[in-house]
C-alpha atoms as a PDB file:
ATOM      1  CA  MET A   1      90.746 -69.301  24.724  1.00  0.00           C
ATOM      2  CA  SER A   2      88.551 -72.232  25.632  1.00  0.00           C
ATOM      3  CA  HIS A   3      85.446 -73.047  23.668  1.00  0.00           C
ATOM      4  CA  THR A   4      83.616 -74.103  26.820  1.00  0.00           C
ATOM      5  CA  PHE A   5      81.638 -70.875  26.966  1.00  0.00           C
ATOM      6  CA  PHE A   6      80.343 -71.259  23.409  1.00  0.00           C
ATOM      7  CA  ILE A   7      79.491 -74.923  23.913  1.00  0.00           C
ATOM      8  CA  ALA A   8      77.652 -74.181  27.167  1.00  0.00           C
ATOM      9  CA  LEU A   9      75.823 -71.264  25.531  1.00  0.00           C
ATOM     10  CA  SER A  10      74.749 -73.538  22.671  1.00  0.00           C
ATOM     11  CA  TYR A  11      73.366 -76.120  25.077  1.00  0.00           C
ATOM     12  CA  ILE A  12      71.545 -73.455  27.087  1.00  0.00           C
ATOM     13  CA  LEU A  13      70.042 -71.906  23.966  1.00  0.00           C
ATOM     14  CA  THR A  14      68.958 -75.318  22.701  1.00  0.00           C
ATOM     15  CA  ALA A  15      67.373 -76.155  26.055  1.00  0.00           C
ATOM     16  CA  LEU A  16      65.484 -72.832  26.029  1.00  0.00           C
ATOM     17  CA  VAL A  17      64.194 -73.414  22.500  1.00  0.00           C
ATOM     18  CA  VAL A  18      63.071 -76.963  23.328  1.00  0.00           C
ATOM     19  CA  ALA A  19      61.412 -75.756  26.553  1.00  0.00           C
ATOM     20  CA  GLY A  20      59.648 -73.015  24.580  1.00  0.00           C
ATOM     21  CA  LEU A  21      58.346 -75.508  22.048  1.00  0.00           C
ATOM     22  CA  ILE A  22      57.096 -77.809  24.794  1.00  0.00           C
ATOM     23  CA  LEU A  23      55.407 -74.901  26.565  1.00  0.00           C
ATOM     24  CA  ARG A  24      53.774 -73.805  23.314  1.00  0.00           C
ATOM     25  CA  ALA A  25      52.482 -77.345  22.707  1.00  0.00           C
ATOM     26  CA  VAL A  26      51.049 -77.582  26.240  1.00  0.00           C
ATOM     27  CA  ILE A  27      49.325 -74.203  25.956  1.00  0.00           C
ATOM     28  CA  ASP A  28      47.938 -75.049  22.517  1.00  0.00           C
ATOM     29  CA  HIS A  29      46.659 -78.401  23.807  1.00  0.00           C
ATOM     30  CA  ARG A  30      44.777 -76.644  26.606  1.00  0.00           C
ATOM     31  CA  ILE A  31      43.270 -74.135  24.166  1.00  0.00           C
ATOM     32  CA  GLN A  32      42.182 -76.900  21.782  1.00  0.00           C
ATOM     33  CA  ALA A  33      40.724 -78.995  24.612  1.00  0.00           C
ATOM     34  CA  ARG A  34      38.662 -76.012  25.805  1.00  0.00           C
ATOM     35  CA  ALA A  35      37.472 -75.298  22.263  1.00  0.00           C
ATOM     36  CA  LEU A  36      36.496 -78.943  21.801  1.00  0.00           C
ATOM     37  CA  ALA A  37      34.636 -79.020  25.123  1.00  0.00           C
ATOM     38  CA  GLU A  38      32.766 -75.861  24.131  1.00  0.00           C
ATOM     39  CA  LEU A  39      31.776 -77.335  20.776  1.00  0.00           C
ATOM     40  CA  GLU A  40      30.653 -80.588  22.371  1.00  0.00           C
ATOM     41  CA  SER A  41      28.604 -78.691  24.946  1.00  0.00           C
ATOM     42  CA  ARG A  42      26.828 -76.961  22.053  1.00  0.00           C
ATOM     43  CA  GLY A  43      25.993 -80.338  20.561  1.00  0.00           C
ATOM     44  CA  VAL A  44      28.604 -80.436  17.849  1.00  0.00           C
ATOM     45  CA  GLY A  45      29.955 -83.996  17.837  1.00  0.00           C
ATOM     46  CA  ARG A  46      33.178 -85.496  16.616  1.00  0.00           C
ATOM     47  CA  ARG A  47      33.226 -87.191  13.256  1.00  0.00           C
ATOM     48  CA  SER A  48      35.290 -90.002  14.744  1.00  0.00           C
ATOM     49  CA  ARG A  49      32.406 -90.885  17.091  1.00  0.00           C
ATOM     50  CA  ARG A  50      29.981 -91.518  14.228  1.00  0.00           C
ATOM     51  CA  GLY A  51      29.335 -95.159  13.819  1.00  0.00           C
END
Protein backbone atom coordinates (compact mmCIF):
# COMPACT_ATOMS: atom_id res chain seq x y z
CA MET A 1 0.00 0.00 0.00
CA SER A 2 1.25 3.45 -0.90
CA HIS A 3 1.90 6.05 1.74
CA THR A 4 0.64 8.81 -0.53
CA PHE A 5 -2.68 9.04 1.29
CA PHE A 6 -1.02 9.53 4.68
CA ILE A 7 1.44 12.08 3.32
CA ALA A 8 -1.34 14.03 1.59
CA LEU A 9 -3.48 13.88 4.74
CA SER A 10 -0.56 15.22 6.79
CA TYR A 11 -0.08 18.14 4.42
CA ILE A 12 -3.80 18.91 4.41
CA LEU A 13 -4.00 18.78 8.20
CA THR A 14 -0.95 21.02 8.51
CA ALA A 15 -2.41 23.51 6.04
CA LEU A 16 -5.69 23.58 8.00
CA VAL A 17 -3.89 24.17 11.30
CA VAL A 18 -1.76 26.97 9.81
CA ALA A 19 -4.84 28.55 8.20
CA GLY A 20 -6.66 28.34 11.54
CA LEU A 21 -3.80 30.05 13.33
CA ILE A 22 -3.67 32.81 10.73
CA LEU A 23 -7.43 33.30 10.95
CA ARG A 24 -7.23 33.46 14.74
CA ALA A 25 -4.46 36.08 14.53
CA VAL A 26 -6.45 38.21 12.06
CA ILE A 27 -9.60 38.05 14.19
CA ASP A 28 -7.66 38.86 17.36
CA HIS A 29 -5.97 41.81 15.62
CA ARG A 30 -9.36 43.23 14.65
CA ILE A 31 -10.68 42.81 18.20
CA GLN A 32 -7.60 44.49 19.68
CA ALA A 33 -7.74 47.35 17.16
CA ARG A 34 -11.40 47.99 18.05
CA ALA A 35 -10.61 47.89 21.77
CA LEU A 36 -7.73 50.32 21.28
CA ALA A 37 -9.88 52.69 19.22
CA GLU A 38 -12.55 52.60 21.92
CA LEU A 39 -10.01 53.39 24.64
CA GLU A 40 -8.50 56.22 22.61
CA SER A 41 -11.95 57.67 21.95
CA ARG A 42 -12.49 57.74 25.72
CA GLY A 43 -9.28 59.69 26.13
CA VAL A 44 -7.05 56.90 27.31
CA GLY A 45 -3.73 57.39 25.52
CA ARG A 46 -0.90 55.05 24.70
CA ARG A 47 2.14 55.05 26.92
CA SER A 48 4.35 54.92 23.84
CA ARG A 49 3.01 58.33 22.73
CA ARG A 50 4.17 60.06 25.91
CA GLY A 51 7.13 62.22 25.24
